[in-house]
Amino acid sequence: MAEGVNPDFCCHTLRDVIADLPEPASPSIYLTEEGVLMMVVGIVETEDGLAYMDQAVAYCPFCGTHIQDVEALAKEKIQ
């Protein structure tokens, strides 16, 4: 698991949203294979179909708990 990532969910709402998002909303909030919590923040139509813009989530959008250090994740990815 990536450094700076908290593997525990901070609240039941976040855990439920990640586990039970219905189609086509899924996967607007998801965990990457490396364990980084991500949120889709934009969708654009391209010649090849839909493209998604996502962002690592630093704070829970439901309870405000600090979840992961996005600066540490960015440095880890650069190295």
N, C-alpha and C. Protein backbone atom coordinates (compact mmCIF):
# COMPACT_ATOMS: atom_id res chain seq x y z
N MET A 1 0.85 -1.19 0.00
CA MET A 1 0.00 0.00 0.00
C MET A 1 0.89 1.23 0.00
N ALA A 2 0.47 2.29 -0.68
CA ALA A 2 1.25 3.50 -0.80
C ALA A 2 1.42 4.19 0.55
N GLU A 3 2.59 4.82 0.71
CA GLU A 3 2.86 5.55 1.95
C GLU A 3 1.92 6.74 2.05
N GLY A 4 1.47 7.05 3.25
CA GLY A 4 0.58 8.18 3.46
C GLY A 4 -0.89 7.83 3.30
N VAL A 5 -1.19 6.57 3.00
CA VAL A 5 -2.58 6.16 2.80
C VAL A 5 -3.11 5.49 4.05
N ASN A 6 -4.27 5.94 4.51
CA ASN A 6 -4.94 5.33 5.65
C ASN A 6 -5.89 4.26 5.11
N PRO A 7 -5.62 2.98 5.40
CA PRO A 7 -6.46 1.91 4.84
C PRO A 7 -7.84 1.81 5.49
N ASP A 8 -8.06 2.46 6.62
CA ASP A 8 -9.35 2.39 7.31
C ASP A 8 -10.26 3.52 6.84
N PHE A 9 -11.53 3.22 6.71
CA PHE A 9 -12.48 4.26 6.37
C PHE A 9 -12.83 5.04 7.63
N CYS A 10 -12.99 6.35 7.48
CA CYS A 10 -13.22 7.22 8.62
C CYS A 10 -14.68 7.22 9.07
N CYS A 11 -15.61 6.88 8.18
CA CYS A 11 -17.03 6.90 8.54
C CYS A 11 -17.79 5.86 7.73
N HIS A 12 -18.95 5.50 8.23
CA HIS A 12 -19.78 4.51 7.55
C HIS A 12 -20.26 5.01 6.18
N THR A 13 -20.49 6.31 6.06
CA THR A 13 -20.98 6.87 4.80
C THR A 13 -19.97 6.65 3.69
N LEU A 14 -18.70 6.95 3.94
CA LEU A 14 -17.67 6.75 2.92
C LEU A 14 -17.53 5.28 2.56
N ARG A 15 -17.53 4.42 3.55
CA ARG A 15 -17.43 2.97 3.30
C ARG A 15 -18.61 2.50 2.44
N ASP A 16 -19.83 2.96 2.77
CA ASP A 16 -21.02 2.56 2.02
C ASP A 16 -20.99 3.08 0.59
N VAL A 17 -20.53 4.33 0.40
CA VAL A 17 -20.48 4.92 -0.94
C VAL A 17 -19.52 4.14 -1.82
N ILE A 18 -18.37 3.81 -1.29
CA ILE A 18 -17.38 3.08 -2.08
C ILE A 18 -17.88 1.67 -2.40
N ALA A 19 -18.55 1.04 -1.48
CA ALA A 19 -19.00 -0.34 -1.66
C ALA A 19 -20.23 -0.46 -2.54
N ASP A 20 -21.13 0.52 -2.49
CA ASP A 20 -22.45 0.33 -3.10
C ASP A 20 -22.87 1.39 -4.11
N LEU A 21 -21.93 2.00 -4.84
CA LEU A 21 -22.34 2.97 -5.84
C LEU A 21 -23.06 2.27 -6.99
N PRO A 22 -24.24 2.76 -7.35
CA PRO A 22 -24.96 2.14 -8.47
C PRO A 22 -24.40 2.62 -9.80
N GLU A 23 -24.61 1.87 -10.87
CA GLU A 23 -24.26 2.31 -12.22
C GLU A 23 -25.22 3.43 -12.61
N PRO A 24 -24.84 4.43 -13.37
CA PRO A 24 -23.51 4.68 -13.91
C PRO A 24 -22.64 5.53 -13.01
N ALA A 25 -23.03 5.79 -11.76
CA ALA A 25 -22.24 6.63 -10.87
C ALA A 25 -20.89 5.99 -10.53
N SER A 26 -20.88 4.67 -10.49
CA SER A 26 -19.65 3.96 -10.18
C SER A 26 -18.65 4.16 -11.31
N PRO A 27 -17.44 4.40 -11.09
CA PRO A 27 -16.75 4.55 -9.81
C PRO A 27 -16.39 6.01 -9.55
N SER A 28 -17.32 6.83 -9.11
CA SER A 28 -16.99 8.23 -8.86
C SER A 28 -16.09 8.41 -7.64
N ILE A 29 -16.14 7.50 -6.68
CA ILE A 29 -15.19 7.44 -5.57
C ILE A 29 -14.70 6.00 -5.53
N TYR A 30 -13.38 5.82 -5.59
CA TYR A 30 -12.86 4.45 -5.66
C TYR A 30 -11.46 4.36 -5.08
N LEU A 31 -11.04 3.16 -4.77
CA LEU A 31 -9.68 2.88 -4.32
C LEU A 31 -8.89 2.32 -5.50
N THR A 32 -7.68 2.85 -5.72
CA THR A 32 -6.81 2.31 -6.76
C THR A 32 -6.21 1.00 -6.27
N GLU A 33 -5.55 0.29 -7.17
CA GLU A 33 -4.88 -0.96 -6.79
C GLU A 33 -3.80 -0.72 -5.74
N GLU A 34 -3.24 0.50 -5.71
CA GLU A 34 -2.23 0.86 -4.73
C GLU A 34 -2.83 1.31 -3.40
N GLY A 35 -4.17 1.37 -3.32
CA GLY A 35 -4.84 1.75 -2.09
C GLY A 35 -5.06 3.24 -1.91
N VAL A 36 -4.94 4.01 -2.99
CA VAL A 36 -5.16 5.46 -2.93
C VAL A 36 -6.63 5.74 -3.19
N LEU A 37 -7.26 6.53 -2.32
CA LEU A 37 -8.66 6.90 -2.49
C LEU A 37 -8.74 8.04 -3.50
N MET A 38 -9.51 7.82 -4.57
CA MET A 38 -9.64 8.78 -5.66
C MET A 38 -11.11 9.16 -5.86
N MET A 39 -11.33 10.35 -6.43
CA MET A 39 -12.68 10.81 -6.75
C MET A 39 -12.66 11.38 -8.18
N VAL A 40 -13.63 10.97 -8.99
CA VAL A 40 -13.77 11.53 -10.33
C VAL A 40 -14.34 12.94 -10.18
N VAL A 41 -13.63 13.93 -10.75
CA VAL A 41 -14.07 15.31 -10.63
C VAL A 41 -14.51 15.92 -11.96
N GLY A 42 -14.32 15.17 -13.05
CA GLY A 42 -14.75 15.67 -14.34
C GLY A 42 -14.82 14.57 -15.38
N ILE A 43 -15.70 14.75 -16.34
CA ILE A 43 -15.86 13.82 -17.45
C ILE A 43 -15.95 14.65 -18.73
N VAL A 44 -15.24 14.21 -19.76
CA VAL A 44 -15.26 14.92 -21.03
C VAL A 44 -15.39 13.90 -22.16
N GLU A 45 -16.11 14.28 -23.19
CA GLU A 45 -16.26 13.43 -24.38
C GLU A 45 -15.08 13.69 -25.30
N THR A 46 -14.39 12.63 -25.73
CA THR A 46 -13.27 12.73 -26.65
C THR A 46 -13.59 11.91 -27.90
N GLU A 47 -12.69 11.96 -28.87
CA GLU A 47 -12.88 11.16 -30.09
C GLU A 47 -12.90 9.67 -29.77
N ASP A 48 -12.21 9.29 -28.68
CA ASP A 48 -12.11 7.88 -28.29
C ASP A 48 -13.17 7.47 -27.27
N GLY A 49 -14.08 8.37 -26.92
CA GLY A 49 -15.10 8.07 -25.91
C GLY A 49 -14.95 8.96 -24.70
N LEU A 50 -15.54 8.56 -23.59
CA LEU A 50 -15.47 9.37 -22.37
C LEU A 50 -14.09 9.29 -21.75
N ALA A 51 -13.62 10.44 -21.23
CA ALA A 51 -12.37 10.52 -20.49
C ALA A 51 -12.70 11.08 -19.11
N TYR A 52 -12.05 10.53 -18.10
CA TYR A 52 -12.33 10.92 -16.72
C TYR A 52 -11.14 11.65 -16.13
N MET A 53 -11.40 12.72 -15.37
CA MET A 53 -10.37 13.41 -14.62
C MET A 53 -10.62 13.05 -13.16
N ASP A 54 -9.59 12.50 -12.49
CA ASP A 54 -9.77 12.16 -11.09
C ASP A 54 -8.71 12.82 -10.24
N GLN A 55 -8.97 12.87 -8.95
CA GLN A 55 -8.12 13.55 -7.99
C GLN A 55 -8.05 12.72 -6.72
N ALA A 56 -6.86 12.64 -6.14
CA ALA A 56 -6.73 11.95 -4.85
C ALA A 56 -7.51 12.74 -3.79
N VAL A 57 -8.18 12.03 -2.91
CA VAL A 57 -8.99 12.66 -1.87
C VAL A 57 -8.15 12.81 -0.61
N ALA A 58 -7.99 14.05 -0.14
CA ALA A 58 -7.21 14.31 1.07
C ALA A 58 -8.10 14.23 2.31
N TYR A 59 -9.33 14.73 2.21
CA TYR A 59 -10.26 14.76 3.34
C TYR A 59 -11.57 14.09 2.93
N CYS A 60 -12.16 13.37 3.85
CA CYS A 60 -13.44 12.72 3.58
C CYS A 60 -14.49 13.77 3.23
N PRO A 61 -15.20 13.61 2.11
CA PRO A 61 -16.22 14.58 1.73
C PRO A 61 -17.47 14.53 2.62
N PHE A 62 -17.55 13.52 3.48
CA PHE A 62 -18.73 13.36 4.33
C PHE A 62 -18.51 13.80 5.77
N CYS A 63 -17.34 13.48 6.35
CA CYS A 63 -17.11 13.83 7.76
C CYS A 63 -15.92 14.76 7.96
N GLY A 64 -15.13 15.00 6.91
CA GLY A 64 -14.02 15.94 7.00
C GLY A 64 -12.72 15.40 7.57
N THR A 65 -12.67 14.11 7.87
CA THR A 65 -11.47 13.50 8.43
C THR A 65 -10.35 13.49 7.40
N HIS A 66 -9.11 13.83 7.84
CA HIS A 66 -7.95 13.74 6.96
C HIS A 66 -7.69 12.27 6.67
N ILE A 67 -7.70 11.88 5.40
CA ILE A 67 -7.61 10.48 5.00
C ILE A 67 -6.22 10.10 4.53
N GLN A 68 -5.63 10.94 3.68
CA GLN A 68 -4.32 10.61 3.13
C GLN A 68 -3.59 11.90 2.77
N ASP A 69 -2.27 11.82 2.79
CA ASP A 69 -1.42 12.96 2.48
C ASP A 69 -1.16 12.98 0.98
N VAL A 70 -1.89 13.81 0.26
CA VAL A 70 -1.78 13.82 -1.20
C VAL A 70 -0.42 14.34 -1.65
N GLU A 71 0.22 15.19 -0.87
CA GLU A 71 1.56 15.66 -1.23
C GLU A 71 2.56 14.51 -1.17
N ALA A 72 2.45 13.67 -0.15
CA ALA A 72 3.33 12.50 -0.04
C ALA A 72 3.07 11.53 -1.18
N LEU A 73 1.81 11.36 -1.55
CA LEU A 73 1.46 10.48 -2.67
C LEU A 73 2.04 11.01 -3.97
N ALA A 74 1.98 12.33 -4.18
CA ALA A 74 2.52 12.93 -5.40
C ALA A 74 4.04 12.75 -5.46
N LYS A 75 4.72 12.96 -4.35
CA LYS A 75 6.17 12.79 -4.31
C LYS A 75 6.54 11.33 -4.58
N GLU A 76 5.78 10.43 -4.00
CA GLU A 76 6.03 9.00 -4.20
C GLU A 76 5.88 8.62 -5.66
N LYS A 77 4.89 9.19 -6.34
CA LYS A 77 4.63 8.88 -7.74
C LYS A 77 5.73 9.44 -8.63
N ILE A 78 6.26 10.61 -8.27
CA ILE A 78 7.29 11.26 -9.07
C ILE A 78 8.60 10.46 -9.00
N GLN A 79 8.89 9.90 -7.86
CA GLN A 79 10.17 9.20 -7.67
C GLN A 79 10.23 7.89 -8.35
